[in-house]
Amino acid sequence: MGSQVGSAGLMLVNTLINIYLFLLMLRFLLQASRADYYNPLSQSVVKITQPVVGPFQSFLGPVAGRFDLATLAAAFVLKVVSIVAIFMLFGIGMPPVVQLVIAGISALANAILKIYFFALIVMIILSWVAPNASHPGALLVMQLVEPIMAPVRRVIPPLGMIDLSPIVVFIAINLIDGLVVGSLIRQAGAPGALVGL
């Protein structure tokens, strides 16, 4: 009974870490997509994640002004350390370093794909119910998905009132998630079980 409670507690901690990782990757994507930094929701994400990102900003800066290496490094280190801690608490011991690195990369990729997946769903719903919404959340979602939607729209322009580009992006996300991220999680072995929500 005690071991089951302990296991449930560790899995809860892993879930909370994955949610925080989700916020870190959201911060990374918002900066990469040049979303409005002064949007209240952007500011909330920055404030929540700054305690972890701050130490890395002293030696890692953004690349091309868009890709925040400090946030990526913070997310990777957080995930790897959490996997090691969970393994140690379970009494399994230190997992192989290569598997840890693969699990960390898989976790980051998984979080990014999940963010885009949910943002696309929100974007589609908003386009039906409130196409010209000016709510900060709606604006942020549109700014977040535009960099991945714009190239697809150039290839597949809207057919009158019907925009097929979200379907193409959904298919691409599912393929990358299933083939690339799924393969990485399998290669990570036991640490891969702790990847994703």
Foldseek 3Di string as FASTA:
>chain_A
DVVVVVVVVLLVVLVVLLVLLLLLLLLQLLQQLVHDCPLVVNVVSCVVNCVQLVVQCVPFQADPRRGGVSSLVSSLVSLLVSLQVSCVVVVNHGDDPVLSNLLSVLQSLQSNLVLLVVLLVVQVVCCVPPVPDPRSVNSSSCSSNCVVQVVQCVVVPADVVRDCSSVVVVVVSVCCCVPPSVVSLVVSPPSSVSHDD
